[in-house]
Protein backbone atom coordinates (compact mmCIF):
# COMPACT_ATOMS: atom_id res chain seq x y z
CA MET A 1 0.00 0.00 0.00
CA HIS A 2 1.35 3.40 -1.00
CA LEU A 3 1.69 5.73 2.02
CA GLU A 4 3.17 9.21 2.22
CA ILE A 5 4.27 10.59 5.61
CA SER A 6 4.94 14.31 5.95
CA GLY A 7 4.74 17.21 8.38
CA GLN A 8 6.23 17.11 11.87
CA ASP A 9 8.95 14.51 12.45
CA SER A 10 9.26 14.83 16.23
CA PRO A 11 8.63 11.52 18.08
CA SER A 12 6.01 13.35 20.18
CA ALA A 13 4.14 14.81 17.20
CA PRO A 14 0.54 13.56 16.99
CA THR A 15 -0.20 11.53 13.88
CA LEU A 16 -3.21 11.98 11.62
CA VAL A 17 -4.17 9.45 8.95
CA LEU A 18 -6.33 10.85 6.12
CA SER A 19 -8.63 8.37 4.38
CA ALA A 20 -10.36 9.34 1.12
CA GLY A 21 -13.77 8.28 -0.20
CA LEU A 22 -14.70 5.90 -3.01
CA GLY A 23 -12.00 7.29 -5.31
CA GLY A 24 -9.46 6.06 -2.78
CA LEU A 25 -6.65 8.52 -3.56
CA GLY A 26 -4.63 10.32 -0.93
CA SER A 27 -4.38 13.35 -3.22
CA PHE A 28 -8.01 14.13 -2.34
CA TRP A 29 -6.67 15.77 0.84
CA GLN A 30 -4.35 18.23 -0.91
CA PRO A 31 -6.32 21.30 0.32
CA GLN A 32 -5.75 20.23 3.96
CA LEU A 33 -2.10 19.19 3.90
CA ALA A 34 -0.35 22.55 4.30
CA GLU A 35 -2.33 23.46 7.42
CA LEU A 36 -2.21 20.04 9.04
CA ARG A 37 1.53 19.66 8.50
CA LYS A 38 2.24 22.66 10.73
CA ALA A 39 1.36 20.75 13.90
CA TYR A 40 0.92 17.10 12.94
CA ARG A 41 2.63 14.17 11.34
CA VAL A 42 0.30 13.50 8.40
CA VAL A 43 -0.23 10.20 6.58
CA ILE A 44 -2.06 9.99 3.27
CA TYR A 45 -2.44 6.77 1.30
CA ASP A 46 -3.94 5.30 -1.83
CA GLN A 47 -6.40 2.64 -0.77
CA ARG A 48 -5.81 -0.92 -1.88
CA GLY A 49 -6.74 -1.40 -5.52
CA THR A 50 -6.54 2.32 -6.36
CA GLY A 51 -3.88 4.73 -7.62
CA ARG A 52 -0.38 3.70 -6.57
CA SER A 53 -1.66 0.72 -4.56
CA PRO A 54 -2.66 -1.57 -7.45
CA ASP A 55 -4.15 -4.94 -6.57
CA ALA A 56 -7.06 -7.20 -7.52
CA LEU A 57 -9.60 -7.13 -4.70
CA PRO A 58 -11.33 -10.32 -3.52
CA ALA A 59 -15.02 -10.89 -4.20
CA ASP A 60 -15.90 -10.75 -0.49
CA TYR A 61 -14.00 -7.50 0.16
CA SER A 62 -15.35 -5.66 3.20
CA MET A 63 -14.96 -2.55 5.33
CA ARG A 64 -13.19 -4.67 7.94
CA ASP A 65 -10.63 -5.62 5.27
CA MET A 66 -10.08 -1.95 4.44
CA ALA A 67 -9.45 -1.15 8.11
CA ALA A 68 -7.19 -4.16 8.71
CA GLU A 69 -4.94 -3.54 5.72
CA LEU A 70 -4.50 0.12 6.71
CA ALA A 71 -3.72 -0.83 10.32
CA ALA A 72 -1.13 -3.33 9.06
CA ALA A 73 0.48 -0.81 6.70
CA LEU A 74 0.75 1.74 9.51
CA ALA A 75 2.20 -0.81 11.93
CA GLU A 76 4.86 -1.71 9.35
CA ARG A 77 5.97 1.91 9.58
CA GLU A 78 5.83 1.83 13.39
CA ILE A 79 2.74 4.05 13.53
CA THR A 80 0.67 2.49 16.31
CA ARG A 81 -1.22 5.46 17.73
CA PHE A 82 -3.07 7.88 15.48
CA GLY A 83 -6.19 9.86 14.69
CA VAL A 84 -8.16 9.25 11.50
CA ILE A 85 -9.88 11.80 9.29
CA GLY A 86 -12.19 10.10 6.78
CA HIS A 87 -14.40 11.32 3.95
CA ALA A 88 -17.53 9.21 3.21
CA LEU A 89 -16.06 5.71 2.66
CA GLY A 90 -12.98 6.93 4.52
CA GLY A 91 -15.22 7.81 7.46
CA MET A 92 -16.50 4.24 7.48
CA VAL A 93 -12.89 3.03 7.53
CA ALA A 94 -12.27 5.38 10.49
CA MET A 95 -15.19 3.91 12.45
CA GLN A 96 -14.12 0.35 11.70
CA LEU A 97 -10.59 1.15 12.89
CA ALA A 98 -11.94 2.72 16.08
CA LEU A 99 -13.92 -0.46 16.78
CA ASP A 100 -11.29 -3.02 15.82
CA TYR A 101 -8.19 -1.19 17.12
CA PRO A 102 -9.44 0.94 20.04
CA ASP A 103 -6.00 1.11 21.67
CA ARG A 104 -4.46 2.58 18.53
CA VAL A 105 -7.09 5.11 17.43
CA THR A 106 -7.15 8.31 19.50
CA LEU A 107 -9.91 10.20 17.70
CA ILE A 108 -11.77 10.24 14.40
CA ALA A 109 -13.42 12.82 12.17
CA ILE A 110 -16.12 11.69 9.74
CA VAL A 111 -16.92 13.93 6.77
CA ASN A 112 -20.33 13.45 5.12
CA GLY A 113 -20.73 9.99 6.59
CA TRP A 114 -23.61 7.82 7.76
CA LEU A 115 -24.63 4.93 10.00
CA ARG A 116 -26.30 2.90 7.26
CA LEU A 117 -26.94 3.75 3.65
CA ASN A 118 -29.79 6.20 3.12
CA ALA A 119 -32.34 5.35 0.37
CA HIS A 120 -31.39 8.49 -1.57
CA THR A 121 -27.66 7.72 -1.40
CA ARG A 122 -28.35 4.14 -2.46
CA ARG A 123 -30.21 5.42 -5.54
CA CYS A 124 -27.28 7.71 -6.40
CA PHE A 125 -24.82 4.83 -6.14
CA GLN A 126 -27.06 2.60 -8.24
CA VAL A 127 -27.23 5.26 -10.97
CA ARG A 128 -23.45 5.55 -10.96
CA GLN A 129 -23.10 1.77 -11.07
CA ASP A 130 -25.52 1.57 -14.00
CA LEU A 131 -23.50 4.19 -15.88
CA LEU A 132 -20.32 2.21 -15.34
CA LEU A 133 -21.79 -1.12 -16.39
CA ASN A 134 -23.99 0.02 -19.28
CA VAL A 135 -22.23 3.06 -20.72
CA GLY A 136 -18.62 2.83 -19.61
CA VAL A 137 -15.80 4.34 -17.62
CA GLU A 138 -15.82 7.75 -19.32
CA ALA A 139 -19.52 8.28 -18.60
CA TYR A 140 -19.02 7.21 -14.99
CA VAL A 141 -16.12 9.64 -14.57
CA ARG A 142 -17.98 12.53 -16.26
CA ALA A 143 -20.97 12.05 -13.97
CA GLN A 144 -18.92 11.86 -10.78
CA PRO A 145 -18.45 15.64 -10.26
CA LEU A 146 -22.24 16.13 -10.32
CA PHE A 147 -22.45 14.19 -7.05
CA LEU A 148 -19.39 15.86 -5.48
CA TYR A 149 -19.59 19.58 -6.16
CA PRO A 150 -22.21 22.37 -6.10
CA ALA A 151 -23.46 23.50 -9.52
CA ASP A 152 -22.06 27.02 -9.26
CA TRP A 153 -18.61 25.74 -8.26
CA LEU A 154 -18.68 23.27 -11.15
CA SER A 155 -19.55 26.06 -13.60
CA GLU A 156 -16.64 28.18 -12.38
CA ASN A 157 -14.09 25.35 -12.45
CA GLN A 158 -14.73 23.57 -15.75
CA ALA A 159 -11.10 23.52 -16.86
CA ARG A 160 -10.06 21.92 -13.58
CA ILE A 161 -12.87 19.35 -13.77
CA GLU A 162 -12.00 18.40 -17.34
CA ALA A 163 -8.36 17.88 -16.35
CA GLU A 164 -9.46 15.72 -13.40
CA ASP A 165 -11.76 13.70 -15.69
CA ALA A 166 -8.86 12.91 -18.00
CA LEU A 167 -6.65 11.93 -15.05
CA HIS A 168 -9.32 9.70 -13.50
CA CYS A 169 -9.96 7.94 -16.80
CA ALA A 170 -6.26 7.35 -17.35
CA HIS A 171 -5.77 5.96 -13.82
CA PHE A 172 -9.15 4.29 -13.32
CA GLN A 173 -9.04 1.69 -10.54
CA GLY A 174 -10.76 -0.95 -12.68
CA MET A 175 -14.38 -1.96 -12.91
CA GLU A 176 -14.18 -5.03 -10.66
CA ASN A 177 -12.23 -3.20 -7.96
CA LEU A 178 -14.64 -0.27 -7.97
CA LEU A 179 -17.71 -2.50 -7.84
CA ARG A 180 -16.27 -4.52 -4.96
CA ARG A 181 -15.37 -1.37 -3.02
CA LEU A 182 -18.82 0.05 -3.74
CA HIS A 183 -20.47 -3.19 -2.60
CA ALA A 184 -18.51 -3.08 0.67
CA LEU A 185 -19.55 0.53 1.20
CA MET A 186 -23.23 0.01 0.40
CA ASN A 187 -23.47 -2.98 2.75
CA CYS A 188 -21.69 -1.32 5.66
CA ASP A 189 -23.99 -0.74 8.67
CA PHE A 190 -22.85 0.74 12.01
CA THR A 191 -26.32 1.06 13.51
CA HIS A 192 -25.61 -1.44 16.28
CA GLN A 193 -21.90 -0.67 16.68
CA ALA A 194 -21.67 3.13 16.86
CA SER A 195 -22.38 3.21 20.59
CA HIS A 196 -19.16 1.23 21.15
CA ILE A 197 -16.99 3.96 19.58
CA THR A 198 -15.80 5.83 22.66
CA GLN A 199 -13.09 7.99 21.10
CA PRO A 200 -13.79 11.69 20.48
CA VAL A 201 -15.54 12.05 17.11
CA LEU A 202 -16.17 15.05 14.90
CA VAL A 203 -19.02 14.55 12.46
CA ILE A 204 -19.19 17.24 9.83
CA CYS A 205 -21.53 17.64 6.89
CA SER A 206 -22.53 20.04 4.15
CA GLN A 207 -26.21 20.93 4.02
CA ASP A 208 -26.21 21.04 0.21
CA ASP A 209 -24.64 17.59 -0.24
CA LEU A 210 -26.41 15.99 -3.21
CA LEU A 211 -25.11 12.49 -2.46
CA VAL A 212 -25.52 12.18 1.32
CA PRO A 213 -28.42 14.08 2.93
CA SER A 214 -27.34 16.01 6.03
CA VAL A 215 -29.89 14.07 8.10
CA CYS A 216 -27.52 11.09 7.80
CA THR A 217 -24.85 12.98 9.72
CA GLN A 218 -27.43 14.02 12.33
CA GLN A 219 -28.35 10.37 12.86
CA LEU A 220 -24.68 9.41 13.08
CA TYR A 221 -24.03 12.14 15.63
CA GLU A 222 -26.95 10.97 17.80
CA ALA A 223 -25.66 7.37 17.79
CA LEU A 224 -22.10 8.21 18.90
CA PRO A 225 -21.47 8.65 22.66
CA ASN A 226 -18.66 11.22 22.39
CA ALA A 227 -19.32 13.26 19.25
CA MET A 228 -19.46 16.87 18.11
CA LEU A 229 -21.59 17.89 15.12
CA LYS A 230 -20.65 20.69 12.73
CA ARG A 231 -22.71 21.71 9.70
CA MET A 232 -21.40 23.74 6.79
CA PRO A 233 -24.08 25.62 4.83
CA ARG A 234 -22.59 24.86 1.42
CA GLY A 235 -19.80 23.06 -0.39
CA GLY A 236 -21.43 19.86 -1.63
CA HIS A 237 -20.23 16.35 -0.89
CA ALA A 238 -16.59 17.41 -1.33
CA MET A 239 -16.75 20.61 0.73
CA SER A 240 -13.20 19.96 1.95
CA VAL A 241 -12.23 20.89 -1.63
CA THR A 242 -14.80 23.54 -2.56
CA GLU A 243 -14.85 25.35 0.81
CA SER A 244 -11.45 24.30 2.09
CA ALA A 245 -10.73 27.39 4.23
CA ALA A 246 -13.95 27.05 6.24
CA PHE A 247 -13.55 23.27 6.46
CA ASN A 248 -9.94 23.52 7.62
CA GLU A 249 -10.85 26.00 10.34
CA ILE A 250 -13.53 23.67 11.76
CA LEU A 251 -11.24 20.65 11.60
CA LEU A 252 -8.19 22.34 13.14
CA THR A 253 -10.18 23.96 15.93
CA TRP A 254 -11.63 20.59 16.92
CA LEU A 255 -8.28 18.82 16.63
CA ASP A 256 -6.57 21.39 18.83
CA ALA A 257 -9.30 21.15 21.48
CA SER A 258 -9.30 17.34 21.39
CA HIS A 259 -5.52 17.27 21.59
CA GLN A 260 -5.56 19.37 24.77
CA ARG A 261 -8.11 17.07 26.39
CA GLU A 262 -6.17 13.88 25.57
CA PRO A 263 -2.74 13.80 27.26
CA LEU A 264 -2.10 10.24 26.04
CA TRP A 265 -2.20 11.68 22.51
CA GLN A 266 1.43 12.70 22.98
CA LYS A 267 2.55 9.27 24.22
CA LEU A 268 3.22 7.53 20.91
């Protein structure tokens, strides 16, 4: 698995692992890296079967597999205590890590996440799956920004989106890998497990998210015993990209406060 470690190199520096959504690429977090590196050791990674972590995924691939392979890759690099920031699928990975490795995970932040798949989100995923299977990779890639970004932001950033489309087509993770990752995501359900996540949790959503209704984050917040909820008024599903300054301020403020409340955070 391809990992990149940057930022603070002091042994006492707190470590943050950033986990992307269905696309799986660590580069998703580019708008956050400069700020996070000032105070943290930051790990980004390309999820198994995507980007620079090529592999053929098994038919029974699951969220528990995603968490276990990340935990193993971190342990190989002697990273055994860390916080996790996850977007959508990455937020599910963060919750699974918190459940399966409670002594390693200090805190988690979940961006536009959910407990179990909402009917609207399921329909969106099914439409995207149908595009992939019946029309092809290019159609799937062209449709993807419609679910990620607000319409006005898309209109103002067409050149950037077209360049990203070309890049995603050229480095597409493969139909079978994508479908198996999507299946794992759509079948993930934390309804009966969320109450066992005792670490501090930030749940953050955008109220104009087309893919994941903000009520999903509200439900997630209510199910977690030690959570804080933050709502952004706009930014779409990928508000960490479209409204990065506002997003970064919320994230860093919460991280700093959580860090001060958790003295063990320093004892790596």
